[in-house]
C-alpha cells in the first residue's frame, strides 16, 4: 500500500509516545563475529533484574534478520521456558492493516481556508489501497497530495516499534545479573580489498588492505567488539561462490601469527566500532611497503591451439605473502587493485584480480591486464603419425602359476602415436627486451606418457599437463619457439 505523504497521528499514553519518540538502544555489551557468506554471531550481554520464578523478559533491538532457532541464553540460575520473536514492526502500512474492521478518524484540511474537519471512518480493507466506510458512502483513501491525516486512538498490542525477542524464564532466586543472548543472523557481512602501488623501476609494491563491513539490516549495533573470520562455515545450503587462487599462484606453508578459530583465521578490529543500520564502512587491516615484486608476461596455449592473428600476452604481477620478503600475513579472499605512477607521479589504475583465502608464504601471480605491444602467434606446423617402432611395441612379463616354473610371455601390441610440431612466434614492440613465459597446456592424457623430443629452447615441465618456456625477446624484435610433442592423441 502506498502511504505517500499521508500523515499518521498517534494519540497514545505518554509512556508509549516517549518510546516512539526514540530512546537509547536496549542492547548491552555487544560482541559480533562476522563470517564470509552473509552470516554473523551476535552475543549481547545485558544487566537484567529478574524476579524469582517464571517471568517474561523482552529483548528489544535484536537483529531484524535473526534466526530465532539459533538463540541461546545464558544467565546464572535461570532456564528458558519459551521464546517468541516479534517481527511485526510498527509502520504506517502495518497500522492501517491492523485497523481493518475498526474505526479511525480522518482529519482533512481545506487548502483554501485552512479549516480542519473531522470524520469517523471504518476501515474495510487495506490491500493495494485503503477502503473506508464513511457514513453511508464507501471511499478510497487517496494519495493525491491533499492534506489528510489519519488518527489512531491506540497502538495495536501486537505491533513492535523494534524487533523484539520475548523469552519466558524460570529463575531460582531474584536479583540483578548479566544475561547473555547469542544468536546467528543474516544481513552482516564483510570482504577484503587490497590497493597495491607497483614500482616497476624498484621491483616493489606497497599494499594497503581494507575490510569492508556491511549491515543490510535495520538494527544498529553500537560500540561492538568485532571479529572477522576469514572462511565460510559449513551450512545446509552448501558453500557457493568461493574464489580460487589466480593462475600461476602457489599455496604457502607458513603459519600466520594470528588467532584461529578451527581452520579459520581471525581478524579482530583494533577498536570497538558502531555498525549502523543499512551502512557500509571500511577499516584498514594491512599496510606493508617495499615488498619485492616483478612484472611478467605470460601466454597459455590450449592443446592444438592455432591462431590466425597474434594474441596479446597477459601482464602478471608476481609477489609473495611470506614473512621473509613478502606481505607477512595470511590474506583473506578479496580483490587486489593495482596502480602504477605515471610520468607526473600520479597513481593510475592498471588492473585488478581476485585472490582466494591465501596462506602466508604463498606465491601470487595476478593477471592485471593484457600487454599492448607483446604478442604470441601459436601455429600447428605439422601433425603426423609415429610408427610404433619409434615408441614401444612389445611387453615382457614373468608369470608363475601354482608354484611351477616361471615363464616369460611376450605380448606384441601396436599403438598409434602422433607427433605434433608447434611454433610460437613471440613479437615485442617495446623499446626494451622482455621475457615471455609461454605455456603449452593439454599435454596430459590417461596414459601420462607425453614426450618432448625436440624444442628450440629448454622447457620446464610445470605439471603433467603443462610445459613452460621462458622466451627472451629483444627490443623491437621477435623470437620463434618451436617444439615437437609425441602423444597418443
Protein backbone atom coordinates (compact mmCIF):
# COMPACT_ATOMS: atom_id res chain seq x y z
CA UNK A 1 0.00 0.00 0.00
CA UNK A 2 1.28 3.49 -0.85
CA UNK A 3 1.03 5.82 2.12
CA UNK A 4 2.83 8.64 0.31
CA UNK A 5 2.55 11.98 2.15
CA UNK A 6 -0.40 10.94 4.31
CA UNK A 7 0.30 11.97 7.89
CA UNK A 8 -0.20 9.48 10.72
CA UNK A 9 -1.01 10.87 14.16
CA UNK A 10 -0.93 8.50 17.14
CA UNK A 11 -2.94 9.52 20.19
CA UNK A 12 -1.20 7.35 22.79
CA UNK A 13 -0.40 7.40 26.50
CA UNK A 14 2.67 9.49 27.34
CA UNK A 15 4.87 6.43 28.02
CA UNK A 16 4.12 5.00 24.60
CA UNK A 17 4.80 8.37 23.00
CA UNK A 18 8.14 8.57 24.74
CA UNK A 19 9.05 5.16 23.40
CA UNK A 20 8.05 6.05 19.86
CA UNK A 21 9.91 9.35 20.04
CA UNK A 22 13.08 7.33 20.18
CA UNK A 23 15.06 6.01 23.13
CA UNK A 24 18.51 4.57 23.62
CA UNK A 25 19.19 1.09 22.35
CA UNK A 26 18.36 -1.69 24.79
CA UNK A 27 21.46 -3.60 23.72
CA UNK A 28 24.15 -4.22 26.31
CA UNK A 29 27.78 -5.20 25.80
CA UNK A 30 27.75 -6.47 22.19
CA UNK A 31 30.33 -8.73 20.55
CA UNK A 32 29.90 -9.68 16.89
CA UNK A 33 31.71 -12.37 14.94
CA UNK A 34 31.19 -11.87 11.21
CA UNK A 35 31.88 -14.67 8.73
CA UNK A 36 32.09 -14.66 4.96
CA UNK A 37 28.80 -15.70 3.37
CA UNK A 38 26.19 -13.37 4.99
CA UNK A 39 26.23 -14.90 8.46
CA UNK A 40 27.24 -13.48 11.84
CA UNK A 41 27.16 -14.45 15.50
CA UNK A 42 25.83 -11.77 17.86
CA UNK A 43 26.49 -12.04 21.61
CA UNK A 44 24.65 -9.41 23.66
CA UNK A 45 25.13 -9.20 27.45
CA UNK A 46 22.51 -7.14 29.31
CA UNK A 47 22.07 -6.42 33.03
CA UNK A 48 18.55 -7.53 33.99
CA UNK A 49 16.64 -7.59 37.25
CA UNK A 50 14.92 -10.97 37.29
CA UNK A 51 12.19 -11.96 39.74
CA UNK A 52 12.14 -15.43 41.24
CA UNK A 53 10.01 -17.94 39.39
CA UNK A 54 8.58 -17.70 35.89
CA UNK A 55 8.69 -14.30 34.17
CA UNK A 56 8.62 -12.92 30.65
CA UNK A 57 11.55 -10.79 29.58
CA UNK A 58 11.69 -8.72 26.39
CA UNK A 59 14.91 -8.23 24.47
CA UNK A 60 14.30 -5.39 22.00
CA UNK A 61 16.85 -4.29 19.41
CA UNK A 62 17.83 -7.74 18.26
CA UNK A 63 18.75 -8.12 14.60
CA UNK A 64 15.92 -7.83 12.10
CA UNK A 65 17.35 -10.90 10.35
CA UNK A 66 17.81 -13.01 13.47
CA UNK A 67 17.49 -16.78 13.15
CA UNK A 68 15.26 -17.43 16.18
CA UNK A 69 16.03 -21.16 16.22
CA UNK A 70 19.69 -20.38 16.95
CA UNK A 71 19.07 -18.30 20.10
CA UNK A 72 21.00 -19.32 23.20
CA UNK A 73 20.53 -17.63 26.59
CA UNK A 74 22.99 -17.78 29.45
CA UNK A 75 22.22 -16.47 32.97
CA UNK A 76 23.09 -17.77 36.42
CA UNK A 77 20.31 -19.86 37.97
CA UNK A 78 17.99 -19.33 35.01
CA UNK A 79 16.50 -21.59 32.36
CA UNK A 80 14.40 -20.85 29.25
CA UNK A 81 10.77 -21.99 29.24
CA UNK A 82 9.65 -20.42 25.92
CA UNK A 83 10.77 -17.81 23.43
CA UNK A 84 9.00 -15.73 20.77
CA UNK A 85 10.36 -13.46 18.11
CA UNK A 86 8.08 -10.50 17.33
CA UNK A 87 8.95 -9.04 13.95
CA UNK A 88 5.63 -7.39 13.05
CA UNK A 89 7.06 -3.87 13.15
CA UNK A 90 5.25 -0.59 13.60
CA UNK A 91 4.79 1.36 10.35
CA UNK A 92 2.01 3.41 8.71
CA UNK A 93 1.13 0.47 6.47
CA UNK A 94 1.12 -2.00 9.38
CA UNK A 95 -1.07 0.32 11.46
CA UNK A 96 -3.62 0.56 8.67
CA UNK A 97 -3.62 -3.21 8.14
CA UNK A 98 -4.22 -3.82 11.87
CA UNK A 99 -7.05 -1.26 11.81
CA UNK A 100 -9.21 -3.26 9.37
CA UNK A 101 -12.68 -3.56 10.91
CA UNK A 102 -12.01 -0.71 13.33
CA UNK A 103 -12.98 2.97 13.36
CA UNK A 104 -10.40 5.68 12.79
CA UNK A 105 -10.55 9.47 12.50
CA UNK A 106 -9.76 11.39 9.32
CA UNK A 107 -8.54 14.96 9.64
CA UNK A 108 -8.92 16.94 6.39
CA UNK A 109 -7.62 20.47 5.87
CA UNK A 110 -9.16 22.80 3.30
CA UNK A 111 -6.23 24.10 1.19
CA UNK A 112 -8.01 27.40 0.54
CA UNK A 113 -9.27 28.27 4.03
CA UNK A 114 -7.12 26.13 6.29
CA UNK A 115 -10.23 24.88 8.05
CA UNK A 116 -9.93 21.39 9.52
CA UNK A 117 -12.75 18.85 9.54
CA UNK A 118 -13.01 15.50 11.31
CA UNK A 119 -14.80 12.38 10.12
CA UNK A 120 -15.20 8.94 11.62
CA UNK A 121 -14.37 6.15 9.17
CA UNK A 122 -14.44 2.38 9.35
CA UNK A 123 -11.53 0.63 7.65
CA UNK A 124 -12.93 -2.05 5.34
CA UNK A 125 -9.73 -3.18 3.60
CA UNK A 126 -6.05 -2.35 3.29
CA UNK A 127 -4.61 -4.22 0.32
CA UNK A 128 -3.41 -2.26 -2.71
CA UNK A 129 -5.17 0.76 -1.19
CA UNK A 130 -7.30 1.69 1.82
CA UNK A 131 -11.09 1.29 1.50
CA UNK A 132 -13.18 3.22 4.05
CA UNK A 133 -16.84 3.41 5.02
CA UNK A 134 -17.77 6.98 5.97
CA UNK A 135 -21.43 7.18 6.96
CA UNK A 136 -23.42 5.68 4.10
CA UNK A 137 -20.68 6.00 1.47
CA UNK A 138 -17.65 3.94 0.52
CA UNK A 139 -14.48 5.93 -0.11
CA UNK A 140 -10.92 5.13 -1.12
CA UNK A 141 -8.23 6.91 0.86
CA UNK A 142 -6.34 8.58 -1.95
CA UNK A 143 -2.70 9.59 -2.07
CA UNK A 144 -3.29 12.70 -4.20
CA UNK A 145 -1.38 15.34 -2.25
CA UNK A 146 -4.36 16.67 -0.31
CA UNK A 147 -3.56 17.36 3.36
CA UNK A 148 -5.13 14.37 5.12
CA UNK A 149 -4.15 12.84 8.46
CA UNK A 150 -5.26 9.56 9.96
CA UNK A 151 -5.71 9.47 13.73
CA UNK A 152 -5.49 6.24 15.70
CA UNK A 153 -6.62 6.21 19.33
CA UNK A 154 -4.23 3.45 20.42
CA UNK A 155 -1.33 1.31 19.33
CA UNK A 156 -2.15 -2.34 18.48
CA UNK A 157 -0.58 -4.60 21.14
CA UNK A 158 0.96 -6.97 18.60
CA UNK A 159 2.99 -4.29 16.81
CA UNK A 160 6.54 -3.62 17.96
CA UNK A 161 8.49 -0.44 17.35
CA UNK A 162 11.68 -2.54 17.22
CA UNK A 163 12.41 -6.23 16.56
CA UNK A 164 11.94 -7.91 19.94
CA UNK A 165 12.81 -11.33 21.29
CA UNK A 166 10.45 -12.31 24.11
CA UNK A 167 11.72 -15.03 26.44
CA UNK A 168 9.92 -16.75 29.29
CA UNK A 169 12.44 -17.54 32.04
CA UNK A 170 12.37 -19.64 35.17
CA UNK A 171 14.72 -18.08 37.75
CA UNK A 172 15.70 -19.71 41.02
CA UNK A 173 16.48 -16.55 43.01
CA UNK A 174 15.56 -12.92 42.35
CA UNK A 175 18.22 -10.32 41.64
CA UNK A 176 20.15 -8.39 39.03
CA UNK A 177 22.59 -10.38 36.92
CA UNK A 178 24.21 -10.41 33.47
CA UNK A 179 22.08 -12.19 30.88
CA UNK A 180 23.72 -13.07 27.57
CA UNK A 181 21.73 -13.85 24.46
CA UNK A 182 23.59 -15.14 21.43
CA UNK A 183 22.16 -15.85 18.01
CA UNK A 184 23.04 -16.18 14.35
CA UNK A 185 21.83 -13.57 11.93
CA UNK A 186 21.97 -12.66 8.29
CA UNK A 187 22.48 -9.17 6.94
CA UNK A 188 26.02 -8.74 8.28
CA UNK A 189 28.97 -9.47 6.02
CA UNK A 190 32.47 -8.39 5.15
CA UNK A 191 35.04 -8.67 2.42
CA UNK A 192 38.65 -7.67 1.92
CA UNK A 193 40.01 -5.31 -0.73
CA UNK A 194 43.63 -4.55 -1.48
CA UNK A 195 45.23 -1.50 -3.08
CA UNK A 196 48.70 -2.22 -4.50
CA UNK A 197 51.03 0.50 -5.79
CA UNK A 198 53.63 -1.14 -8.05
CA UNK A 199 57.02 0.47 -8.69
CA UNK A 200 58.46 -1.29 -11.73
CA UNK A 201 61.80 0.55 -11.52
CA UNK A 202 62.33 -0.63 -7.92
CA UNK A 203 60.59 -4.00 -8.46
CA UNK A 204 58.49 -3.48 -5.35
CA UNK A 205 54.90 -2.87 -4.27
CA UNK A 206 53.16 -1.12 -1.39
CA UNK A 207 49.95 -2.87 -0.29
CA UNK A 208 47.08 -1.45 1.75
CA UNK A 209 44.40 -3.91 2.90
CA UNK A 210 40.88 -2.77 3.69
CA UNK A 211 37.99 -4.57 5.34
CA UNK A 212 34.53 -3.51 4.16
CA UNK A 213 31.80 -4.15 6.73
CA UNK A 214 28.19 -4.31 5.53
CA UNK A 215 24.98 -4.17 7.55
CA UNK A 216 21.93 -4.54 5.32
CA UNK A 217 19.60 -4.92 8.29
CA UNK A 218 17.60 -2.29 10.18
CA UNK A 219 19.34 -2.88 13.53
CA UNK A 220 22.22 -0.73 14.77
CA UNK A 221 24.99 -2.35 16.79
CA UNK A 222 26.69 0.30 18.93
CA UNK A 223 30.26 0.13 20.23
CA UNK A 224 30.53 -3.54 19.31
CA UNK A 225 33.63 -5.66 19.77
CA UNK A 226 34.00 -7.02 16.25
CA UNK A 227 35.93 -10.04 14.99
CA UNK A 228 36.06 -11.06 11.34
CA UNK A 229 36.50 -14.70 10.37
CA UNK A 230 38.20 -15.49 7.06
CA UNK A 231 36.29 -18.55 6.00
CA UNK A 232 32.82 -19.84 5.23
CA UNK A 233 31.40 -22.21 7.87
CA UNK A 234 29.53 -25.21 6.55
CA UNK A 235 25.77 -24.86 6.15
CA UNK A 236 22.85 -26.88 4.86
CA UNK A 237 22.76 -24.86 1.63
CA UNK A 238 26.38 -25.66 0.72
CA UNK A 239 29.20 -23.18 0.26
CA UNK A 240 28.99 -21.40 -3.05
CA UNK A 241 30.90 -18.64 -4.74
CA UNK A 242 34.33 -19.28 -3.28
CA UNK A 243 37.10 -17.53 -5.15
CA UNK A 244 40.16 -19.53 -6.18
CA UNK A 245 43.84 -18.79 -6.47
CA UNK A 246 44.83 -16.80 -9.52
CA UNK A 247 46.50 -18.87 -12.29
CA UNK A 248 50.19 -19.41 -11.58
CA UNK A 249 49.84 -18.94 -7.83
CA UNK A 250 51.22 -21.45 -5.33
CA UNK A 251 49.81 -22.02 -1.85
CA UNK A 252 52.19 -21.33 1.00
CA UNK A 253 53.10 -23.45 4.03
CA UNK A 254 53.79 -20.79 6.69
CA UNK A 255 51.61 -20.26 9.75
CA UNK A 256 50.50 -16.67 10.27
CA UNK A 257 50.81 -15.06 13.71
CA UNK A 258 47.05 -14.69 14.07
CA UNK A 259 44.44 -16.20 16.34
CA UNK A 260 42.49 -19.01 14.74
CA UNK A 261 39.03 -20.48 15.11
CA UNK A 262 39.23 -24.09 13.99
CA UNK A 263 40.59 -23.90 10.47
CA UNK A 264 39.78 -20.20 10.08
CA UNK A 265 41.94 -17.13 10.75
CA UNK A 266 40.56 -14.30 12.88
CA UNK A 267 40.88 -10.61 12.03
CA UNK A 268 39.75 -8.64 15.11
CA UNK A 269 39.24 -4.91 14.67
CA UNK A 270 41.70 -2.90 16.73
CA UNK A 271 38.95 -0.91 18.48
CA UNK A 272 35.25 -1.26 19.13
CA UNK A 273 33.10 0.12 16.34
CA UNK A 274 29.49 1.05 15.71
CA UNK A 275 27.86 -0.73 12.78
CA UNK A 276 24.89 1.40 11.83
CA UNK A 277 21.77 0.08 10.11
CA UNK A 278 22.00 -0.06 6.33
CA UNK A 279 25.62 1.01 6.46
CA UNK A 280 28.89 0.12 4.78
CA UNK A 281 32.19 1.10 6.37
CA UNK A 282 35.87 0.40 5.76
CA UNK A 283 38.64 -0.36 8.24
CA UNK A 284 42.34 -0.83 7.45
CA UNK A 285 43.89 -4.15 8.47
CA UNK A 286 47.12 -4.35 6.43
CA UNK A 287 49.75 -1.79 5.43
CA UNK A 288 53.07 -3.01 4.02
CA UNK A 289 55.59 -1.14 1.89
CA UNK A 290 58.59 -2.09 -0.25
CA UNK A 291 57.58 -5.72 -0.85
CA UNK A 292 59.66 -7.34 -3.65
CA UNK A 293 57.57 -7.78 -6.81
CA UNK A 294 58.16 -8.21 -10.51
CA UNK A 295 56.16 -7.88 -13.67
CA UNK A 296 56.00 -10.85 -16.02
CA UNK A 297 54.43 -11.65 -19.38
CA UNK A 298 52.56 -14.93 -19.76
CA UNK A 299 50.70 -16.75 -22.50
CA UNK A 300 48.97 -20.13 -22.24
CA UNK A 301 48.03 -22.11 -25.36
CA UNK A 302 45.45 -24.86 -25.42
CA UNK A 303 46.17 -28.23 -26.96
CA UNK A 304 46.35 -27.99 -30.77
CA UNK A 305 45.67 -24.27 -30.40
CA UNK A 306 46.44 -22.35 -33.57
CA UNK A 307 45.65 -18.67 -34.14
CA UNK A 308 45.38 -16.73 -37.40
CA UNK A 309 46.26 -13.46 -35.64
CA UNK A 310 48.81 -12.70 -32.91
CA UNK A 311 47.35 -12.74 -29.40
CA UNK A 312 48.21 -10.29 -26.61
CA UNK A 313 50.04 -11.82 -23.67
CA UNK A 314 48.87 -11.38 -20.08
CA UNK A 315 50.62 -8.89 -17.84
CA UNK A 316 51.17 -10.60 -14.49
CA UNK A 317 52.34 -9.19 -11.16
CA UNK A 318 54.31 -11.65 -9.02
CA UNK A 319 54.88 -11.24 -5.27
CA UNK A 320 54.82 -13.26 -2.05
CA UNK A 321 52.86 -13.32 1.19
CA UNK A 322 55.75 -14.89 3.14
CA UNK A 323 57.10 -13.48 6.39
CA UNK A 324 60.53 -13.03 4.79
CA UNK A 325 60.46 -10.77 1.74
CA UNK A 326 56.67 -10.74 1.41
CA UNK A 327 53.49 -9.29 2.88
CA UNK A 328 53.98 -11.33 6.05
CA UNK A 329 50.37 -12.29 6.66
CA UNK A 330 47.59 -14.66 5.68
CA UNK A 331 45.34 -12.85 3.23
CA UNK A 332 41.55 -13.17 3.35
CA UNK A 333 39.83 -13.55 -0.01
CA UNK A 334 39.26 -10.32 -1.88
CA UNK A 335 40.12 -8.18 -4.88
CA UNK A 336 43.59 -6.73 -5.49
CA UNK A 337 43.59 -3.47 -7.46
CA UNK A 338 46.94 -2.47 -8.89
CA UNK A 339 48.18 1.07 -9.60
CA UNK A 340 51.41 2.48 -11.06
CA UNK A 341 52.62 6.05 -11.18
CA UNK A 342 52.53 7.92 -14.49
CA UNK A 343 55.19 10.35 -15.76
CA UNK A 344 53.77 13.05 -13.46
CA UNK A 345 53.98 10.80 -10.43
CA UNK A 346 50.22 10.29 -10.17
CA UNK A 347 48.97 6.74 -9.37
CA UNK A 348 46.96 5.29 -12.26
CA UNK A 349 44.84 2.14 -12.21
CA UNK A 350 46.15 -0.70 -14.44
CA UNK A 351 44.06 -3.71 -13.48
CA UNK A 352 42.63 -5.98 -10.80
CA UNK A 353 42.15 -9.63 -9.96
CA UNK A 354 40.67 -11.77 -7.21
CA UNK A 355 42.50 -13.97 -4.74
CA UNK A 356 41.12 -16.71 -2.55
CA UNK A 357 41.96 -17.20 1.12
CA UNK A 358 45.76 -17.22 0.82
CA UNK A 359 48.08 -18.78 3.43
CA UNK A 360 51.19 -16.93 4.48
CA UNK A 361 54.18 -17.96 2.38
CA UNK A 362 52.18 -18.18 -0.84
CA UNK A 363 53.44 -17.05 -4.23
CA UNK A 364 50.85 -14.95 -6.02
CA UNK A 365 50.64 -14.31 -9.75
CA UNK A 366 47.95 -11.76 -10.52
CA UNK A 367 46.90 -11.02 -14.07
CA UNK A 368 46.41 -7.25 -14.26
CA UNK A 369 45.59 -6.96 -17.96
CA UNK A 370 46.85 -7.68 -21.47
CA UNK A 371 50.00 -6.23 -22.99
CA UNK A 372 49.53 -3.90 -25.95
CA UNK A 373 52.99 -4.41 -27.52
CA UNK A 374 53.81 -8.06 -26.69
CA UNK A 375 52.03 -10.79 -28.64
CA UNK A 376 52.21 -14.52 -29.43
CA UNK A 377 51.04 -16.32 -32.57
CA UNK A 378 50.80 -20.09 -31.96
CA UNK A 379 50.67 -22.32 -35.04
CA UNK A 380 50.31 -26.07 -35.55
CA UNK A 381 53.03 -26.55 -38.18
CA UNK A 382 52.70 -30.29 -38.66
CA UNK A 383 50.92 -33.29 -37.21
CA UNK A 384 51.87 -36.83 -38.25
CA UNK A 385 51.56 -40.41 -37.10
CA UNK A 386 54.55 -42.12 -35.50
CA UNK A 387 55.43 -45.72 -36.30
CA UNK A 388 55.13 -47.91 -33.25
CA UNK A 389 58.80 -48.93 -33.67
CA UNK A 390 59.69 -45.42 -32.58
CA UNK A 391 57.87 -45.89 -29.30
CA UNK A 392 57.12 -49.34 -27.86
CA UNK A 393 55.51 -52.32 -29.50
CA UNK A 394 56.05 -55.21 -27.08
CA UNK A 395 55.98 -56.02 -23.41
CA UNK A 396 57.52 -58.91 -21.46
CA UNK A 397 56.00 -60.41 -18.32
CA UNK A 398 57.25 -63.14 -15.92
CA UNK A 399 54.36 -65.39 -14.81
CA UNK A 400 54.35 -68.16 -12.19
CA UNK A 401 51.35 -70.47 -11.76
CA UNK A 402 50.76 -72.90 -8.86
CA UNK A 403 54.42 -72.86 -7.81
CA UNK A 404 55.56 -74.02 -11.22
CA UNK A 405 58.49 -72.84 -13.28
CA UNK A 406 58.30 -69.12 -14.19
CA UNK A 407 57.50 -68.45 -17.81
CA UNK A 408 58.25 -65.33 -19.80
CA UNK A 409 55.40 -64.15 -22.00
CA UNK A 410 55.95 -61.54 -24.68
CA UNK A 411 52.96 -59.54 -25.88
CA UNK A 412 53.04 -57.77 -29.20
CA UNK A 413 51.00 -54.62 -29.42
CA UNK A 414 50.65 -51.81 -31.85
CA UNK A 415 49.77 -48.30 -30.62
CA UNK A 416 49.15 -45.21 -32.72
CA UNK A 417 51.06 -42.09 -31.67
CA UNK A 418 51.18 -38.59 -33.09
CA UNK A 419 53.98 -36.10 -33.37
CA UNK A 420 52.78 -32.51 -33.31
CA UNK A 421 55.15 -29.70 -34.23
CA UNK A 422 54.21 -26.28 -32.87
CA UNK A 423 55.68 -22.84 -33.44
CA UNK A 424 55.13 -19.82 -31.20
CA UNK A 425 56.09 -16.51 -32.80
CA UNK A 426 56.63 -14.01 -29.97
CA UNK A 427 56.85 -10.33 -31.01
CA UNK A 428 57.90 -7.33 -28.92
CA UNK A 429 57.22 -3.73 -29.95
CA UNK A 430 58.51 -2.30 -26.68
CA UNK A 431 61.78 -0.32 -26.59
CA UNK A 432 63.29 -2.80 -24.10
CA UNK A 433 63.82 -6.57 -24.16
CA UNK A 434 61.25 -8.76 -22.42
CA UNK A 435 60.86 -12.38 -21.39
CA UNK A 436 57.57 -14.12 -22.12
CA UNK A 437 56.57 -17.31 -20.31
CA UNK A 438 54.87 -19.42 -23.00
CA UNK A 439 52.91 -22.37 -21.61
CA UNK A 440 51.53 -25.26 -23.61
CA UNK A 441 48.57 -26.86 -21.84
CA UNK A 442 46.58 -30.01 -22.54
CA UNK A 443 49.57 -32.38 -22.66
CA UNK A 444 48.31 -34.92 -20.17
CA UNK A 445 46.17 -37.91 -21.04
CA UNK A 446 45.14 -41.10 -19.36
CA UNK A 447 48.47 -42.73 -20.21
CA UNK A 448 50.77 -39.99 -18.83
CA UNK A 449 53.38 -40.71 -21.49
CA UNK A 450 53.69 -37.46 -23.47
CA UNK A 451 57.24 -36.79 -24.70
CA UNK A 452 59.01 -33.69 -25.96
CA UNK A 453 61.71 -34.92 -28.39
CA UNK A 454 62.60 -31.53 -29.86
CA UNK A 455 62.49 -27.94 -28.51
CA UNK A 456 64.41 -24.88 -29.63
CA UNK A 457 64.65 -23.61 -26.03
CA UNK A 458 64.85 -25.76 -22.90
CA UNK A 459 61.43 -26.06 -21.30
CA UNK A 460 60.25 -26.67 -17.75
CA UNK A 461 57.60 -29.29 -17.03
CA UNK A 462 55.27 -27.45 -14.66
CA UNK A 463 52.91 -30.44 -14.39
CA UNK A 464 51.86 -33.48 -16.41
CA UNK A 465 49.51 -31.18 -18.28
CA UNK A 466 51.69 -28.10 -18.79
CA UNK A 467 55.18 -27.25 -20.02
CA UNK A 468 56.55 -23.68 -19.94
CA UNK A 469 59.36 -21.94 -21.83
CA UNK A 470 60.95 -18.64 -20.78
CA UNK A 471 61.31 -16.96 -24.15
CA UNK A 472 63.64 -13.93 -24.36
CA UNK A 473 62.53 -11.40 -26.96
CA UNK A 474 64.76 -8.46 -27.99
CA UNK A 475 63.53 -4.88 -28.06
CA UNK A 476 61.52 -4.18 -31.23
CA UNK A 477 62.09 -7.76 -32.33
CA UNK A 478 60.74 -11.30 -32.24
CA UNK A 479 61.68 -14.84 -31.26
CA UNK A 480 60.27 -18.05 -32.70
CA UNK A 481 59.96 -21.02 -30.34
CA UNK A 482 59.50 -24.46 -31.97
CA UNK A 483 58.56 -27.61 -30.08
CA UNK A 484 57.53 -31.16 -31.01
CA UNK A 485 55.23 -33.28 -28.84
CA UNK A 486 54.72 -37.05 -29.07
CA UNK A 487 51.28 -38.03 -27.76
CA UNK A 488 48.63 -40.72 -28.14
CA UNK A 489 46.09 -38.17 -29.30
